[in-house]
Amino acid sequence: MVYALCNKEMTEDAIEQSYQVLSSLQCIVIDLLAEQAQSNRAVRKRKYRLRKKPVNSFEYFLSKSIMCLDMANNFHEWNRKSRAMFGLLMQNMDIYNRLRKELERIMYNVDQLDDEEMIYDKNFIIIPESDLIYDENGECVNADITQLLEFEEYEISEFYNWVHKVSEREGLLIGIEAKFNEIQDIFFKRCFSLYRELNDYCKKLRQYLCSNKHNLKSCKFYREINLAQYVCCKYHFLKRLLERVGEEEKHIAKYDAAFKGNRWRSSDDKCSSL
């Protein structure tokens, strides 16, 4: 026979914090998806206008380059605004790590109790019957019996598991992990989608420049705001745009761990210099 003195407040606090983290992460997911949807609508409108341009023409690649640079600028602006969100994300990650370590300790204690070993848990004190001291009147002098729960030794592990709500806490932590993964997927997919768009643009424009080099060099490019102001030939103007987009491509790639790990591996090569 053993007795147990337990405090459920720590368990209830842990569960409440888990729900708070889940709610906070869900708000982040909603914000990210809403912003992504807005960005996708803007890109679709640009691509629709782009269809009106003759394919493989100077006007087409000029408009496409402006679209790619706008997409890169929007990504940088989104990333700048997201700093506060990432700060909140790190706070939730710290809470999650603490809750996970606490649950690991509890599950270790469950295993110890299954093996009939002693445990240390200030919120669940186990008192063997032999440790209780009684006076001649049969009154316990070293513990308040009214506060103790009585168990057979084989029941204590199951009760310990129940008191700490191990199954519920495991489910909550799994849900939190899923939200972290969802947030990571949204960010990485946006990085990869933008990188692929810029990479595809570089390839097509490079091929266009190589195939139309002489014609483009013979054509002058003027600023639209002042048709009398000569800028350069169309070839060098597009080449400058290619260099700018190529720089953005490399910059975006740094954000995406896929290009250093194995998350989304692209078989396409990056733009090489002309």
C-alpha atoms as a PDB file:
ATOM      1  CA  MET A   1       0.000   0.000   0.000  1.00  0.00           C
ATOM      2  CA  VAL A   2       1.255   3.501  -0.850  1.00  0.00           C
ATOM      3  CA  TYR A   3      -0.096   7.007  -0.441  1.00  0.00           C
ATOM      4  CA  ALA A   4       0.185   9.946  -2.827  1.00  0.00           C
ATOM      5  CA  LEU A   5      -0.055  13.702  -2.387  1.00  0.00           C
ATOM      6  CA  CYS A   6      -0.569  15.416  -5.744  1.00  0.00           C
ATOM      7  CA  ASN A   7      -0.935  18.969  -7.046  1.00  0.00           C
ATOM      8  CA  LYS A   8      -2.767  19.352 -10.382  1.00  0.00           C
ATOM      9  CA  GLU A   9      -2.108  23.074 -10.853  1.00  0.00           C
ATOM     10  CA  MET A  10       1.096  22.577 -12.858  1.00  0.00           C
ATOM     11  CA  THR A  11      -0.692  20.194 -15.208  1.00  0.00           C
ATOM     12  CA  GLU A  12      -3.588  22.587 -15.774  1.00  0.00           C
ATOM     13  CA  ASP A  13      -1.151  25.462 -16.368  1.00  0.00           C
ATOM     14  CA  ALA A  14       0.771  23.397 -18.930  1.00  0.00           C
ATOM     15  CA  ILE A  15      -2.416  22.515 -20.819  1.00  0.00           C
ATOM     16  CA  GLU A  16      -3.609  26.131 -20.786  1.00  0.00           C
ATOM     17  CA  GLN A  17      -0.251  27.321 -22.139  1.00  0.00           C
ATOM     18  CA  SER A  18      -0.393  24.670 -24.868  1.00  0.00           C
ATOM     19  CA  TYR A  19      -3.783  25.935 -26.028  1.00  0.00           C
ATOM     20  CA  GLN A  20      -2.499  29.521 -25.968  1.00  0.00           C
ATOM     21  CA  VAL A  21       0.483  28.580 -28.147  1.00  0.00           C
ATOM     22  CA  LEU A  22      -1.792  26.721 -30.573  1.00  0.00           C
ATOM     23  CA  SER A  23      -4.090  29.746 -30.830  1.00  0.00           C
ATOM     24  CA  SER A  24      -1.166  32.116 -31.381  1.00  0.00           C
ATOM     25  CA  LEU A  25       0.327  29.920 -34.105  1.00  0.00           C
ATOM     26  CA  GLN A  26      -3.050  29.580 -35.829  1.00  0.00           C
ATOM     27  CA  CYS A  27      -3.305  33.392 -35.979  1.00  0.00           C
ATOM     28  CA  ILE A  28       0.142  33.513 -37.594  1.00  0.00           C
ATOM     29  CA  VAL A  29      -0.929  30.898 -40.171  1.00  0.00           C
ATOM     30  CA  ILE A  30      -4.080  32.887 -41.013  1.00  0.00           C
ATOM     31  CA  ASP A  31      -2.082  36.111 -41.452  1.00  0.00           C
ATOM     32  CA  LEU A  32       0.498  34.393 -43.666  1.00  0.00           C
ATOM     33  CA  LEU A  33      -2.136  32.758 -45.861  1.00  0.00           C
ATOM     34  CA  ALA A  34      -4.079  36.021 -46.207  1.00  0.00           C
ATOM     35  CA  GLU A  35      -0.955  37.915 -47.245  1.00  0.00           C
ATOM     36  CA  GLN A  36       0.018  35.125 -49.628  1.00  0.00           C
ATOM     37  CA  ALA A  37      -3.433  35.192 -51.249  1.00  0.00           C
ATOM     38  CA  GLN A  38      -3.175  38.955 -51.738  1.00  0.00           C
ATOM     39  CA  SER A  39       0.261  38.573 -53.307  1.00  0.00           C
ATOM     40  CA  ASN A  40      -0.975  35.779 -55.594  1.00  0.00           C
ATOM     41  CA  ARG A  41      -3.845  37.958 -56.843  1.00  0.00           C
ATOM     42  CA  ALA A  42      -1.422  40.749 -57.710  1.00  0.00           C
ATOM     43  CA  VAL A  43       0.853  38.331 -59.586  1.00  0.00           C
ATOM     44  CA  ARG A  44      -2.076  36.884 -61.534  1.00  0.00           C
ATOM     45  CA  LYS A  45      -3.086  40.376 -62.653  1.00  0.00           C
ATOM     46  CA  ARG A  46       0.449  41.117 -63.844  1.00  0.00           C
ATOM     47  CA  LYS A  47       0.626  37.829 -65.732  1.00  0.00           C
ATOM     48  CA  TYR A  48      -2.734  38.533 -67.353  1.00  0.00           C
ATOM     49  CA  ARG A  49      -1.474  41.882 -68.648  1.00  0.00           C
ATOM     50  CA  LEU A  50       1.716  40.177 -69.764  1.00  0.00           C
ATOM     51  CA  ARG A  51      -0.251  37.876 -72.070  1.00  0.00           C
ATOM     52  CA  LYS A  52      -1.148  40.889 -74.191  1.00  0.00           C
ATOM     53  CA  LYS A  53       2.533  41.423 -75.022  1.00  0.00           C
ATOM     54  CA  PRO A  54       4.034  39.603 -78.033  1.00  0.00           C
ATOM     55  CA  VAL A  55       5.889  36.550 -76.744  1.00  0.00           C
ATOM     56  CA  ASN A  56       9.687  36.667 -77.080  1.00  0.00           C
ATOM     57  CA  SER A  57       9.703  40.381 -77.765  1.00  0.00           C
ATOM     58  CA  PHE A  58      11.523  43.295 -76.175  1.00  0.00           C
ATOM     59  CA  GLU A  59       8.236  44.570 -74.729  1.00  0.00           C
ATOM     60  CA  TYR A  60       7.476  41.152 -73.239  1.00  0.00           C
ATOM     61  CA  PHE A  61      10.800  40.788 -71.444  1.00  0.00           C
ATOM     62  CA  LEU A  62      10.762  44.411 -70.334  1.00  0.00           C
ATOM     63  CA  SER A  63       7.350  43.926 -68.691  1.00  0.00           C
ATOM     64  CA  LYS A  64       8.350  40.530 -67.279  1.00  0.00           C
ATOM     65  CA  SER A  65      11.514  41.951 -65.734  1.00  0.00           C
ATOM     66  CA  ILE A  66       9.544  44.738 -64.064  1.00  0.00           C
ATOM     67  CA  MET A  67       7.103  42.127 -62.752  1.00  0.00           C
ATOM     68  CA  CYS A  68       9.942  39.997 -61.327  1.00  0.00           C
ATOM     69  CA  LEU A  69      11.572  42.975 -59.619  1.00  0.00           C
ATOM     70  CA  ASP A  70       8.216  44.012 -58.139  1.00  0.00           C
ATOM     71  CA  MET A  71       7.710  40.479 -56.808  1.00  0.00           C
ATOM     72  CA  ALA A  72      11.164  40.559 -55.208  1.00  0.00           C
ATOM     73  CA  ASN A  73      10.491  43.978 -53.656  1.00  0.00           C
ATOM     74  CA  ASN A  74       7.155  42.758 -52.284  1.00  0.00           C
ATOM     75  CA  PHE A  75       8.884  39.735 -50.772  1.00  0.00           C
ATOM     76  CA  HIS A  76      11.472  41.934 -49.040  1.00  0.00           C
ATOM     77  CA  GLU A  77       8.717  44.210 -47.736  1.00  0.00           C
ATOM     78  CA  TRP A  78       6.781  41.186 -46.457  1.00  0.00           C
ATOM     79  CA  ASN A  79       9.921  39.854 -44.807  1.00  0.00           C
ATOM     80  CA  ARG A  80      10.558  43.216 -43.139  1.00  0.00           C
ATOM     81  CA  LYS A  81       7.010  43.376 -41.766  1.00  0.00           C
ATOM     82  CA  SER A  82       7.270  39.773 -40.584  1.00  0.00           C
ATOM     83  CA  ARG A  83      10.041  40.465 -38.069  1.00  0.00           C
ATOM     84  CA  ALA A  84       7.519  41.048 -35.290  1.00  0.00           C
ATOM     85  CA  MET A  85       5.782  37.815 -36.288  1.00  0.00           C
ATOM     86  CA  PHE A  86       9.047  35.881 -36.099  1.00  0.00           C
ATOM     87  CA  GLY A  87       9.696  37.336 -32.654  1.00  0.00           C
ATOM     88  CA  LEU A  88       6.324  35.973 -31.539  1.00  0.00           C
ATOM     89  CA  LEU A  89       7.160  32.692 -33.242  1.00  0.00           C
ATOM     90  CA  MET A  90      10.373  32.377 -31.223  1.00  0.00           C
ATOM     91  CA  GLN A  91       8.500  33.096 -27.986  1.00  0.00           C
ATOM     92  CA  ASN A  92       6.074  30.301 -28.777  1.00  0.00           C
ATOM     93  CA  MET A  93       8.971  28.023 -29.663  1.00  0.00           C
ATOM     94  CA  ASP A  94      10.546  28.659 -26.246  1.00  0.00           C
ATOM     95  CA  ILE A  95       7.276  27.800 -24.488  1.00  0.00           C
ATOM     96  CA  TYR A  96       6.876  24.682 -26.615  1.00  0.00           C
ATOM     97  CA  ASN A  97      10.411  23.482 -25.812  1.00  0.00           C
ATOM     98  CA  ARG A  98       9.793  23.968 -22.089  1.00  0.00           C
ATOM     99  CA  LEU A  99       6.473  22.093 -22.237  1.00  0.00           C
ATOM    100  CA  ARG A 100       8.048  19.278 -24.231  1.00  0.00           C
ATOM    101  CA  LYS A 101      10.927  18.859 -21.761  1.00  0.00           C
ATOM    102  CA  GLU A 102       8.461  18.858 -18.878  1.00  0.00           C
ATOM    103  CA  LEU A 103       6.391  16.135 -20.547  1.00  0.00           C
ATOM    104  CA  GLU A 104       9.522  14.091 -21.277  1.00  0.00           C
ATOM    105  CA  ARG A 105      10.368  14.215 -17.573  1.00  0.00           C
ATOM    106  CA  ILE A 106       6.859  13.065 -16.673  1.00  0.00           C
ATOM    107  CA  MET A 107       6.979  10.179 -19.154  1.00  0.00           C
ATOM    108  CA  TYR A 108      10.351   9.169 -17.742  1.00  0.00           C
ATOM    109  CA  ASN A 109       8.752   9.045 -14.294  1.00  0.00           C
ATOM    110  CA  VAL A 110       5.941   6.872 -15.668  1.00  0.00           C
ATOM    111  CA  ASP A 111       8.531   4.393 -16.918  1.00  0.00           C
ATOM    112  CA  GLN A 112      10.264   4.490 -13.542  1.00  0.00           C
ATOM    113  CA  LEU A 113       7.019   3.750 -11.728  1.00  0.00           C
ATOM    114  CA  ASP A 114       6.283   0.891 -14.129  1.00  0.00           C
ATOM    115  CA  ASP A 115       9.651  -0.547 -13.099  1.00  0.00           C
ATOM    116  CA  GLU A 116       8.750   0.032  -9.420  1.00  0.00           C
ATOM    117  CA  GLU A 117      11.498   2.627  -9.054  1.00  0.00           C
ATOM    118  CA  MET A 118      11.332   5.791  -6.968  1.00  0.00           C
ATOM    119  CA  ILE A 119      10.739   9.155  -8.670  1.00  0.00           C
ATOM    120  CA  TYR A 120      11.213  12.805  -7.787  1.00  0.00           C
ATOM    121  CA  ASP A 121       8.270  15.067  -8.535  1.00  0.00           C
ATOM    122  CA  LYS A 122       7.485  17.912  -6.175  1.00  0.00           C
ATOM    123  CA  ASN A 123       3.900  17.925  -7.472  1.00  0.00           C
ATOM    124  CA  PHE A 124       3.390  14.211  -6.888  1.00  0.00           C
ATOM    125  CA  ILE A 125       4.822  12.918  -3.642  1.00  0.00           C
ATOM    126  CA  ILE A 126       4.630   9.172  -3.015  1.00  0.00           C
ATOM    127  CA  ILE A 127       4.676   8.036   0.611  1.00  0.00           C
ATOM    128  CA  PRO A 128       5.117   4.321   1.375  1.00  0.00           C
ATOM    129  CA  GLU A 129       2.876   3.052   4.133  1.00  0.00           C
ATOM    130  CA  SER A 130       5.965   2.143   6.143  1.00  0.00           C
ATOM    131  CA  ASP A 131       6.972   5.833   6.308  1.00  0.00           C
ATOM    132  CA  LEU A 132       3.856   6.874   8.178  1.00  0.00           C
ATOM    133  CA  ILE A 133       4.191   7.177  11.942  1.00  0.00           C
ATOM    134  CA  TYR A 134       1.207   6.708  14.236  1.00  0.00           C
ATOM    135  CA  ASP A 135       0.780   7.511  17.918  1.00  0.00           C
ATOM    136  CA  GLU A 136      -0.820   5.175  20.440  1.00  0.00           C
ATOM    137  CA  ASN A 137      -4.243   6.530  19.502  1.00  0.00           C
ATOM    138  CA  GLY A 138      -3.778   5.505  15.870  1.00  0.00           C
ATOM    139  CA  GLU A 139      -3.375   9.085  14.656  1.00  0.00           C
ATOM    140  CA  CYS A 140      -0.742   9.775  11.979  1.00  0.00           C
ATOM    141  CA  VAL A 141       1.723  12.305  13.352  1.00  0.00           C
ATOM    142  CA  ASN A 142       3.937  12.985  10.313  1.00  0.00           C
ATOM    143  CA  ALA A 143       1.309  13.464   7.563  1.00  0.00           C
ATOM    144  CA  ASP A 144      -2.253  14.672   7.090  1.00  0.00           C
ATOM    145  CA  ILE A 145      -4.027  11.474   6.099  1.00  0.00           C
ATOM    146  CA  THR A 146      -7.050  13.434   4.859  1.00  0.00           C
ATOM    147  CA  GLN A 147      -4.881  14.953   2.103  1.00  0.00           C
ATOM    148  CA  LEU A 148      -3.431  11.626   0.949  1.00  0.00           C
ATOM    149  CA  LEU A 149      -4.765   9.278  -1.709  1.00  0.00           C
ATOM    150  CA  GLU A 150      -4.438   5.574  -1.074  1.00  0.00           C
ATOM    151  CA  PHE A 151      -3.342   3.105  -3.787  1.00  0.00           C
ATOM    152  CA  GLU A 152      -2.026  -0.325  -4.324  1.00  0.00           C
ATOM    153  CA  GLU A 153       1.535  -0.168  -5.631  1.00  0.00           C
ATOM    154  CA  TYR A 154       0.565  -1.481  -9.076  1.00  0.00           C
ATOM    155  CA  GLU A 155      -1.998   1.358  -9.458  1.00  0.00           C
ATOM    156  CA  ILE A 156       0.331   4.277  -8.804  1.00  0.00           C
ATOM    157  CA  SER A 157       1.822   4.468 -12.324  1.00  0.00           C
ATOM    158  CA  GLU A 158      -1.588   4.626 -13.997  1.00  0.00           C
ATOM    159  CA  PHE A 159      -2.769   7.292 -11.568  1.00  0.00           C
ATOM    160  CA  TYR A 160       0.397   9.341 -12.093  1.00  0.00           C
ATOM    161  CA  ASN A 161      -0.224   9.203 -15.848  1.00  0.00           C
ATOM    162  CA  TRP A 162      -3.842  10.273 -15.372  1.00  0.00           C
ATOM    163  CA  VAL A 163      -3.048  13.141 -13.001  1.00  0.00           C
ATOM    164  CA  HIS A 164      -0.553  14.634 -15.465  1.00  0.00           C
ATOM    165  CA  LYS A 165      -2.911  14.109 -18.431  1.00  0.00           C
ATOM    166  CA  VAL A 166      -0.094  12.667 -20.520  1.00  0.00           C
ATOM    167  CA  SER A 167      -2.242  11.700 -23.517  1.00  0.00           C
ATOM    168  CA  GLU A 168      -3.876  15.129 -23.790  1.00  0.00           C
ATOM    169  CA  ARG A 169      -0.548  16.919 -23.484  1.00  0.00           C
ATOM    170  CA  GLU A 170       1.029  14.661 -26.089  1.00  0.00           C
ATOM    171  CA  GLY A 171      -1.786  15.483 -28.506  1.00  0.00           C
ATOM    172  CA  LEU A 172      -1.420  19.221 -27.900  1.00  0.00           C
ATOM    173  CA  LEU A 173       2.334  19.143 -28.512  1.00  0.00           C
ATOM    174  CA  ILE A 174       1.809  17.193 -31.737  1.00  0.00           C
ATOM    175  CA  GLY A 175      -0.666  19.884 -32.824  1.00  0.00           C
ATOM    176  CA  ILE A 176       1.844  22.624 -31.995  1.00  0.00           C
ATOM    177  CA  GLU A 177       4.553  20.864 -34.003  1.00  0.00           C
ATOM    178  CA  ALA A 178       2.163  20.627 -36.960  1.00  0.00           C
ATOM    179  CA  LYS A 179       1.541  24.392 -36.814  1.00  0.00           C
ATOM    180  CA  PHE A 180       5.267  25.135 -36.729  1.00  0.00           C
ATOM    181  CA  ASN A 181       5.717  22.913 -39.786  1.00  0.00           C
ATOM    182  CA  GLU A 182       2.811  24.614 -41.558  1.00  0.00           C
ATOM    183  CA  ILE A 183       4.318  28.061 -40.959  1.00  0.00           C
ATOM    184  CA  GLN A 184       7.691  26.841 -42.173  1.00  0.00           C
ATOM    185  CA  ASP A 185       6.099  25.354 -45.299  1.00  0.00           C
ATOM    186  CA  ILE A 186       4.306  28.615 -46.141  1.00  0.00           C
ATOM    187  CA  PHE A 187       7.527  30.599 -45.872  1.00  0.00           C
ATOM    188  CA  PHE A 188       9.713  28.129 -47.759  1.00  0.00           C
ATOM    189  CA  LYS A 189       7.164  27.577 -50.518  1.00  0.00           C
ATOM    190  CA  ARG A 190       6.925  31.311 -51.090  1.00  0.00           C
ATOM    191  CA  CYS A 191      10.718  31.561 -51.230  1.00  0.00           C
ATOM    192  CA  PHE A 192      10.979  28.653 -53.621  1.00  0.00           C
ATOM    193  CA  SER A 193       8.132  29.863 -55.841  1.00  0.00           C
ATOM    194  CA  LEU A 194       9.743  33.287 -56.182  1.00  0.00           C
ATOM    195  CA  TYR A 195      13.186  31.795 -56.762  1.00  0.00           C
ATOM    196  CA  ARG A 196      11.807  29.536 -59.502  1.00  0.00           C
ATOM    197  CA  GLU A 197      10.048  32.490 -61.169  1.00  0.00           C
ATOM    198  CA  LEU A 198      13.246  34.544 -61.219  1.00  0.00           C
ATOM    199  CA  ASN A 199      15.334  31.591 -62.324  1.00  0.00           C
ATOM    200  CA  ASP A 200      12.984  30.834 -65.222  1.00  0.00           C
ATOM    201  CA  TYR A 201      13.027  34.489 -66.270  1.00  0.00           C
ATOM    202  CA  CYS A 202      16.832  34.536 -66.333  1.00  0.00           C
ATOM    203  CA  LYS A 203      17.000  31.459 -68.539  1.00  0.00           C
ATOM    204  CA  LYS A 204      14.449  32.679 -71.060  1.00  0.00           C
ATOM    205  CA  LEU A 205      15.867  36.180 -71.240  1.00  0.00           C
ATOM    206  CA  ARG A 206      19.387  34.888 -71.672  1.00  0.00           C
ATOM    207  CA  GLN A 207      18.259  32.700 -74.536  1.00  0.00           C
ATOM    208  CA  TYR A 208      16.380  35.631 -76.083  1.00  0.00           C
ATOM    209  CA  LEU A 209      19.442  37.879 -75.830  1.00  0.00           C
ATOM    210  CA  CYS A 210      21.679  35.255 -77.382  1.00  0.00           C
ATOM    211  CA  SER A 211      19.265  34.654 -80.273  1.00  0.00           C
ATOM    212  CA  ASN A 212      18.551  38.338 -80.974  1.00  0.00           C
ATOM    213  CA  LYS A 213      21.813  39.980 -79.999  1.00  0.00           C
ATOM    214  CA  HIS A 214      22.511  41.796 -83.274  1.00  0.00           C
ATOM    215  CA  ASN A 215      18.946  43.019 -83.806  1.00  0.00           C
ATOM    216  CA  LEU A 216      18.677  44.298 -80.233  1.00  0.00           C
ATOM    217  CA  LYS A 217      22.005  46.088 -80.431  1.00  0.00           C
ATOM    218  CA  SER A 218      20.843  47.936 -83.527  1.00  0.00           C
ATOM    219  CA  CYS A 219      17.675  49.166 -81.774  1.00  0.00           C
ATOM    220  CA  LYS A 220      17.827  52.194 -79.515  1.00  0.00           C
ATOM    221  CA  PHE A 221      15.847  52.382 -76.280  1.00  0.00           C
ATOM    222  CA  TYR A 222      14.334  55.687 -75.141  1.00  0.00           C
ATOM    223  CA  ARG A 223      12.766  56.627 -71.862  1.00  0.00           C
ATOM    224  CA  GLU A 224       8.981  56.735 -72.117  1.00  0.00           C
ATOM    225  CA  ILE A 225       8.826  60.006 -70.193  1.00  0.00           C
ATOM    226  CA  ASN A 226      11.097  61.683 -72.716  1.00  0.00           C
ATOM    227  CA  LEU A 227      11.263  60.094 -76.152  1.00  0.00           C
ATOM    228  CA  ALA A 228      14.103  62.397 -77.099  1.00  0.00           C
ATOM    229  CA  GLN A 229      16.333  61.023 -74.320  1.00  0.00           C
ATOM    230  CA  TYR A 230      18.407  58.124 -75.593  1.00  0.00           C
ATOM    231  CA  VAL A 231      19.362  55.566 -72.927  1.00  0.00           C
ATOM    232  CA  CYS A 232      21.176  52.703 -74.645  1.00  0.00           C
ATOM    233  CA  CYS A 233      20.521  49.895 -77.084  1.00  0.00           C
ATOM    234  CA  LYS A 234      17.800  47.418 -76.184  1.00  0.00           C
ATOM    235  CA  TYR A 235      20.320  44.607 -75.778  1.00  0.00           C
ATOM    236  CA  HIS A 236      22.306  46.293 -73.021  1.00  0.00           C
ATOM    237  CA  PHE A 237      19.167  47.581 -71.338  1.00  0.00           C
ATOM    238  CA  LEU A 238      17.743  44.056 -71.039  1.00  0.00           C
ATOM    239  CA  LYS A 239      21.129  42.764 -69.973  1.00  0.00           C
ATOM    240  CA  ARG A 240      21.169  45.242 -67.086  1.00  0.00           C
ATOM    241  CA  LEU A 241      17.714  44.084 -66.054  1.00  0.00           C
ATOM    242  CA  LEU A 242      18.901  40.489 -66.230  1.00  0.00           C
ATOM    243  CA  GLU A 243      21.777  41.315 -63.884  1.00  0.00           C
ATOM    244  CA  ARG A 244      19.417  42.986 -61.415  1.00  0.00           C
ATOM    245  CA  VAL A 245      16.989  40.075 -61.412  1.00  0.00           C
ATOM    246  CA  GLY A 246      19.911  37.648 -61.105  1.00  0.00           C
ATOM    247  CA  GLU A 247      21.056  39.496 -57.980  1.00  0.00           C
ATOM    248  CA  GLU A 248      17.559  39.224 -56.507  1.00  0.00           C
ATOM    249  CA  GLU A 249      17.493  35.525 -57.366  1.00  0.00           C
ATOM    250  CA  LYS A 250      20.680  34.887 -55.407  1.00  0.00           C
ATOM    251  CA  HIS A 251      19.393  36.983 -52.511  1.00  0.00           C
ATOM    252  CA  ILE A 252      16.085  35.088 -52.339  1.00  0.00           C
ATOM    253  CA  ALA A 253      17.935  31.768 -52.435  1.00  0.00           C
ATOM    254  CA  LYS A 254      19.711  32.693 -49.183  1.00  0.00           C
ATOM    255  CA  TYR A 255      16.374  32.796 -47.378  1.00  0.00           C
ATOM    256  CA  ASP A 256      15.423  29.313 -48.445  1.00  0.00           C
ATOM    257  CA  ALA A 257      17.094  26.529 -46.497  1.00  0.00           C
ATOM    258  CA  ALA A 258      16.152  24.240 -49.371  1.00  0.00           C
ATOM    259  CA  PHE A 259      19.193  25.408 -51.266  1.00  0.00           C
ATOM    260  CA  LYS A 260      21.463  24.380 -48.402  1.00  0.00           C
ATOM    261  CA  GLY A 261      19.492  21.317 -47.325  1.00  0.00           C
ATOM    262  CA  ASN A 262      17.251  18.887 -49.106  1.00  0.00           C
ATOM    263  CA  ARG A 263      13.785  20.355 -48.742  1.00  0.00           C
ATOM    264  CA  TRP A 264      12.901  21.375 -52.285  1.00  0.00           C
ATOM    265  CA  ARG A 265      15.811  20.610 -54.531  1.00  0.00           C
ATOM    266  CA  SER A 266      15.670  22.251 -57.945  1.00  0.00           C
ATOM    267  CA  SER A 267      17.454  20.644 -60.863  1.00  0.00           C
ATOM    268  CA  ASP A 268      17.681  23.984 -62.642  1.00  0.00           C
ATOM    269  CA  ASP A 269      21.004  25.752 -62.648  1.00  0.00           C
ATOM    270  CA  LYS A 270      21.260  29.329 -61.534  1.00  0.00           C
ATOM    271  CA  CYS A 271      21.716  32.061 -64.117  1.00  0.00           C
ATOM    272  CA  SER A 272      25.263  32.273 -65.368  1.00  0.00           C
ATOM    273  CA  SER A 273      26.787  35.403 -66.790  1.00  0.00           C
ATOM    274  CA  LEU A 274      26.442  36.098 -70.496  1.00  0.00           C
END
